[in-house]
Amino acid sequence: MGPLGWPEIIIILVVLLLLFGAKRLPEMGRSLGRGMREFKDAVTTSEPEPKEINTTPTPATQAATTETPAQQPQPQSQPKSENV
């Protein structure tokens, strides 16, 4: 099936005119055009690329990694309470 020809386009326009009326068609065309423009702008605008993360260790991070890890706090045992 090929692209739409002039007779098909005219039939579609007449049906739209009958369904929505002469007042609503320009409003619908504007809103459709505005939506298409916003979509195109959203697709074509390039977002800033994230900066590359520097993975080479600096002297400060090398010193921090060579130190002994901090001791993690031991969970304190709570006394059992008897329910009488």
N, C-alpha and C. Protein backbone atom coordinates (compact mmCIF):
# COMPACT_ATOMS: atom_id res chain seq x y z
N MET A 1 0.85 -1.16 0.00
CA MET A 1 0.00 0.00 0.00
C MET A 1 0.90 1.23 0.00
N GLY A 2 0.67 2.13 -0.91
CA GLY A 2 1.52 3.31 -1.08
C GLY A 2 1.08 4.46 -0.22
N PRO A 3 1.74 5.58 -0.41
CA PRO A 3 1.39 6.77 0.37
C PRO A 3 -0.01 7.28 0.00
N LEU A 4 -0.54 8.12 0.87
CA LEU A 4 -1.88 8.66 0.63
C LEU A 4 -1.87 9.61 -0.56
N GLY A 5 -2.88 9.50 -1.39
CA GLY A 5 -3.03 10.42 -2.52
C GLY A 5 -3.93 11.58 -2.13
N TRP A 6 -4.12 12.52 -3.08
CA TRP A 6 -4.96 13.69 -2.81
C TRP A 6 -6.40 13.34 -2.47
N PRO A 7 -7.03 12.39 -3.18
CA PRO A 7 -8.43 12.07 -2.83
C PRO A 7 -8.58 11.57 -1.38
N GLU A 8 -7.63 10.75 -0.93
CA GLU A 8 -7.71 10.23 0.44
C GLU A 8 -7.52 11.35 1.46
N ILE A 9 -6.59 12.28 1.19
CA ILE A 9 -6.34 13.39 2.10
C ILE A 9 -7.58 14.29 2.19
N ILE A 10 -8.21 14.55 1.05
CA ILE A 10 -9.41 15.40 1.03
C ILE A 10 -10.54 14.74 1.82
N ILE A 11 -10.70 13.42 1.66
CA ILE A 11 -11.75 12.71 2.41
C ILE A 11 -11.49 12.79 3.90
N ILE A 12 -10.24 12.61 4.32
CA ILE A 12 -9.89 12.68 5.74
C ILE A 12 -10.17 14.07 6.28
N LEU A 13 -9.82 15.12 5.53
CA LEU A 13 -10.07 16.49 5.98
C LEU A 13 -11.56 16.79 6.11
N VAL A 14 -12.36 16.28 5.17
CA VAL A 14 -13.81 16.50 5.23
C VAL A 14 -14.39 15.80 6.45
N VAL A 15 -13.94 14.59 6.73
CA VAL A 15 -14.43 13.86 7.89
C VAL A 15 -14.05 14.59 9.18
N LEU A 16 -12.82 15.09 9.26
CA LEU A 16 -12.39 15.85 10.43
C LEU A 16 -13.22 17.12 10.59
N LEU A 17 -13.51 17.79 9.48
CA LEU A 17 -14.32 19.01 9.54
C LEU A 17 -15.72 18.70 10.05
N LEU A 18 -16.29 17.60 9.60
CA LEU A 18 -17.63 17.22 10.06
C LEU A 18 -17.63 16.82 11.54
N LEU A 19 -16.58 16.13 11.98
CA LEU A 19 -16.52 15.66 13.37
C LEU A 19 -16.26 16.80 14.35
N PHE A 20 -15.30 17.66 14.05
CA PHE A 20 -14.87 18.65 15.03
C PHE A 20 -15.35 20.07 14.76
N GLY A 21 -15.79 20.37 13.56
CA GLY A 21 -16.28 21.70 13.25
C GLY A 21 -15.15 22.64 12.82
N ALA A 22 -15.58 23.77 12.23
CA ALA A 22 -14.61 24.72 11.67
C ALA A 22 -13.85 25.48 12.75
N LYS A 23 -14.42 25.64 13.93
CA LYS A 23 -13.74 26.40 14.99
C LYS A 23 -12.63 25.58 15.65
N ARG A 24 -12.87 24.31 15.82
CA ARG A 24 -11.91 23.48 16.56
C ARG A 24 -10.73 23.03 15.72
N LEU A 25 -10.87 22.96 14.39
CA LEU A 25 -9.77 22.45 13.56
C LEU A 25 -8.51 23.30 13.66
N PRO A 26 -8.58 24.65 13.58
CA PRO A 26 -7.34 25.42 13.73
C PRO A 26 -6.69 25.25 15.10
N GLU A 27 -7.51 25.16 16.15
CA GLU A 27 -6.97 24.94 17.50
C GLU A 27 -6.26 23.60 17.58
N MET A 28 -6.86 22.58 17.00
CA MET A 28 -6.25 21.25 17.01
C MET A 28 -4.96 21.24 16.21
N GLY A 29 -4.95 21.94 15.08
CA GLY A 29 -3.73 22.02 14.27
C GLY A 29 -2.60 22.71 15.01
N ARG A 30 -2.94 23.80 15.71
CA ARG A 30 -1.91 24.51 16.49
C ARG A 30 -1.36 23.63 17.60
N SER A 31 -2.24 22.97 18.32
CA SER A 31 -1.77 22.13 19.43
C SER A 31 -0.97 20.93 18.91
N LEU A 32 -1.37 20.39 17.78
CA LEU A 32 -0.62 19.28 17.19
C LEU A 32 0.76 19.76 16.75
N GLY A 33 0.83 20.92 16.11
CA GLY A 33 2.11 21.48 15.68
C GLY A 33 3.01 21.80 16.85
N ARG A 34 2.43 22.36 17.92
CA ARG A 34 3.19 22.69 19.11
C ARG A 34 3.76 21.42 19.75
N GLY A 35 2.94 20.39 19.82
CA GLY A 35 3.40 19.12 20.40
C GLY A 35 4.51 18.50 19.57
N MET A 36 4.38 18.55 18.25
CA MET A 36 5.42 17.99 17.38
C MET A 36 6.71 18.79 17.52
N ARG A 37 6.60 20.11 17.65
CA ARG A 37 7.79 20.96 17.79
C ARG A 37 8.49 20.66 19.11
N GLU A 38 7.72 20.52 20.20
CA GLU A 38 8.32 20.21 21.49
C GLU A 38 9.00 18.84 21.47
N PHE A 39 8.37 17.89 20.81
CA PHE A 39 8.96 16.56 20.70
C PHE A 39 10.27 16.62 19.92
N LYS A 40 10.26 17.34 18.81
CA LYS A 40 11.47 17.47 17.99
C LYS A 40 12.58 18.15 18.78
N ASP A 41 12.24 19.20 19.51
CA ASP A 41 13.24 19.90 20.31
C ASP A 41 13.81 18.99 21.40
N ALA A 42 12.96 18.19 22.00
CA ALA A 42 13.41 17.29 23.05
C ALA A 42 14.33 16.21 22.49
N VAL A 43 14.07 15.77 21.28
CA VAL A 43 14.88 14.72 20.68
C VAL A 43 16.20 15.28 20.17
N THR A 44 16.19 16.48 19.58
CA THR A 44 17.39 17.01 18.94
C THR A 44 18.33 17.73 19.89
N THR A 45 17.83 18.24 21.02
CA THR A 45 18.73 18.92 21.93
C THR A 45 19.62 17.91 22.61
N SER A 46 20.90 18.21 22.63
CA SER A 46 21.83 17.27 23.26
C SER A 46 22.02 17.66 24.71
N GLU A 47 21.92 16.67 25.55
CA GLU A 47 22.13 16.90 26.98
C GLU A 47 23.63 16.92 27.23
N PRO A 48 24.07 17.70 28.19
CA PRO A 48 25.51 17.73 28.48
C PRO A 48 25.97 16.35 28.92
N GLU A 49 27.10 15.94 28.36
CA GLU A 49 27.62 14.62 28.70
C GLU A 49 28.21 14.65 30.09
N PRO A 50 28.04 13.58 30.84
CA PRO A 50 28.62 13.56 32.19
C PRO A 50 30.14 13.58 32.11
N LYS A 51 30.76 14.22 33.09
CA LYS A 51 32.21 14.27 33.13
C LYS A 51 32.75 12.89 33.45
N GLU A 52 33.95 12.61 32.89
CA GLU A 52 34.57 11.32 33.17
C GLU A 52 35.06 11.31 34.61
N ILE A 53 34.91 10.19 35.25
CA ILE A 53 35.36 10.04 36.63
C ILE A 53 36.83 9.68 36.60
N ASN A 54 37.63 10.42 37.34
CA ASN A 54 39.06 10.16 37.41
C ASN A 54 39.29 8.96 38.33
N THR A 55 39.78 7.87 37.76
CA THR A 55 39.97 6.66 38.55
C THR A 55 41.41 6.48 39.01
N THR A 56 42.32 7.36 38.58
CA THR A 56 43.69 7.24 39.04
C THR A 56 43.78 7.75 40.47
N PRO A 57 44.40 7.00 41.35
CA PRO A 57 44.44 7.41 42.76
C PRO A 57 45.36 8.61 42.97
N THR A 58 44.93 9.52 43.78
CA THR A 58 45.76 10.67 44.16
C THR A 58 46.53 10.27 45.41
N PRO A 59 47.57 11.02 45.77
CA PRO A 59 48.32 10.65 46.98
C PRO A 59 47.45 10.60 48.23
N ALA A 60 46.46 11.47 48.33
CA ALA A 60 45.60 11.46 49.51
C ALA A 60 44.77 10.18 49.57
N THR A 61 44.25 9.74 48.41
CA THR A 61 43.44 8.52 48.42
C THR A 61 44.31 7.29 48.59
N GLN A 62 45.57 7.35 48.10
CA GLN A 62 46.46 6.22 48.31
C GLN A 62 46.77 6.05 49.78
N ALA A 63 46.99 7.16 50.50
CA ALA A 63 47.29 7.07 51.92
C ALA A 63 46.08 6.56 52.69
N ALA A 64 44.90 6.96 52.27
CA ALA A 64 43.69 6.52 52.97
C ALA A 64 43.45 5.04 52.77
N THR A 65 43.81 4.51 51.62
CA THR A 65 43.56 3.10 51.37
C THR A 65 44.62 2.22 52.00
N THR A 66 45.81 2.76 52.29
CA THR A 66 46.85 1.92 52.88
C THR A 66 46.75 1.85 54.39
N GLU A 67 45.98 2.76 55.01
CA GLU A 67 45.80 2.72 56.45
C GLU A 67 44.95 1.51 56.83
N THR A 68 45.09 1.11 58.07
CA THR A 68 44.28 -0.01 58.53
C THR A 68 42.82 0.41 58.61
N PRO A 69 41.92 -0.45 58.24
CA PRO A 69 40.51 -0.06 58.29
C PRO A 69 40.06 0.18 59.72
N ALA A 70 39.18 1.11 59.86
CA ALA A 70 38.65 1.41 61.19
C ALA A 70 37.84 0.22 61.69
N GLN A 71 37.94 0.01 62.99
CA GLN A 71 37.20 -1.10 63.56
C GLN A 71 35.72 -0.75 63.57
N GLN A 72 34.96 -1.72 63.17
CA GLN A 72 33.53 -1.51 63.17
C GLN A 72 33.01 -1.72 64.58
N PRO A 73 32.05 -0.90 65.02
CA PRO A 73 31.53 -1.06 66.38
C PRO A 73 30.84 -2.40 66.53
N GLN A 74 31.12 -3.02 67.67
CA GLN A 74 30.51 -4.30 67.98
C GLN A 74 29.10 -4.07 68.49
N PRO A 75 28.15 -4.87 68.05
CA PRO A 75 26.79 -4.70 68.57
C PRO A 75 26.77 -4.99 70.06
N GLN A 76 26.14 -4.10 70.79
CA GLN A 76 26.06 -4.28 72.24
C GLN A 76 24.93 -5.24 72.56
N SER A 77 25.24 -6.16 73.45
CA SER A 77 24.19 -7.09 73.85
C SER A 77 23.31 -6.40 74.88
N GLN A 78 22.06 -6.46 74.65
CA GLN A 78 21.12 -5.81 75.58
C GLN A 78 20.66 -6.85 76.58
N PRO A 79 20.54 -6.41 77.84
CA PRO A 79 20.09 -7.37 78.87
C PRO A 79 18.65 -7.82 78.57
N LYS A 80 18.48 -9.07 78.83
CA LYS A 80 17.12 -9.60 78.62
C LYS A 80 16.25 -9.18 79.79
N SER A 81 15.10 -8.71 79.44
CA SER A 81 14.17 -8.33 80.51
C SER A 81 13.10 -9.42 80.62
N GLU A 82 12.81 -9.75 81.83
CA GLU A 82 11.80 -10.79 82.04
C GLU A 82 10.45 -10.14 82.20
N ASN A 83 9.52 -10.66 81.46
CA ASN A 83 8.14 -10.17 81.57
C ASN A 83 7.41 -11.02 82.59
N VAL A 84 7.01 -10.39 83.66
CA VAL A 84 6.35 -11.16 84.71
C VAL A 84 4.88 -10.84 84.70
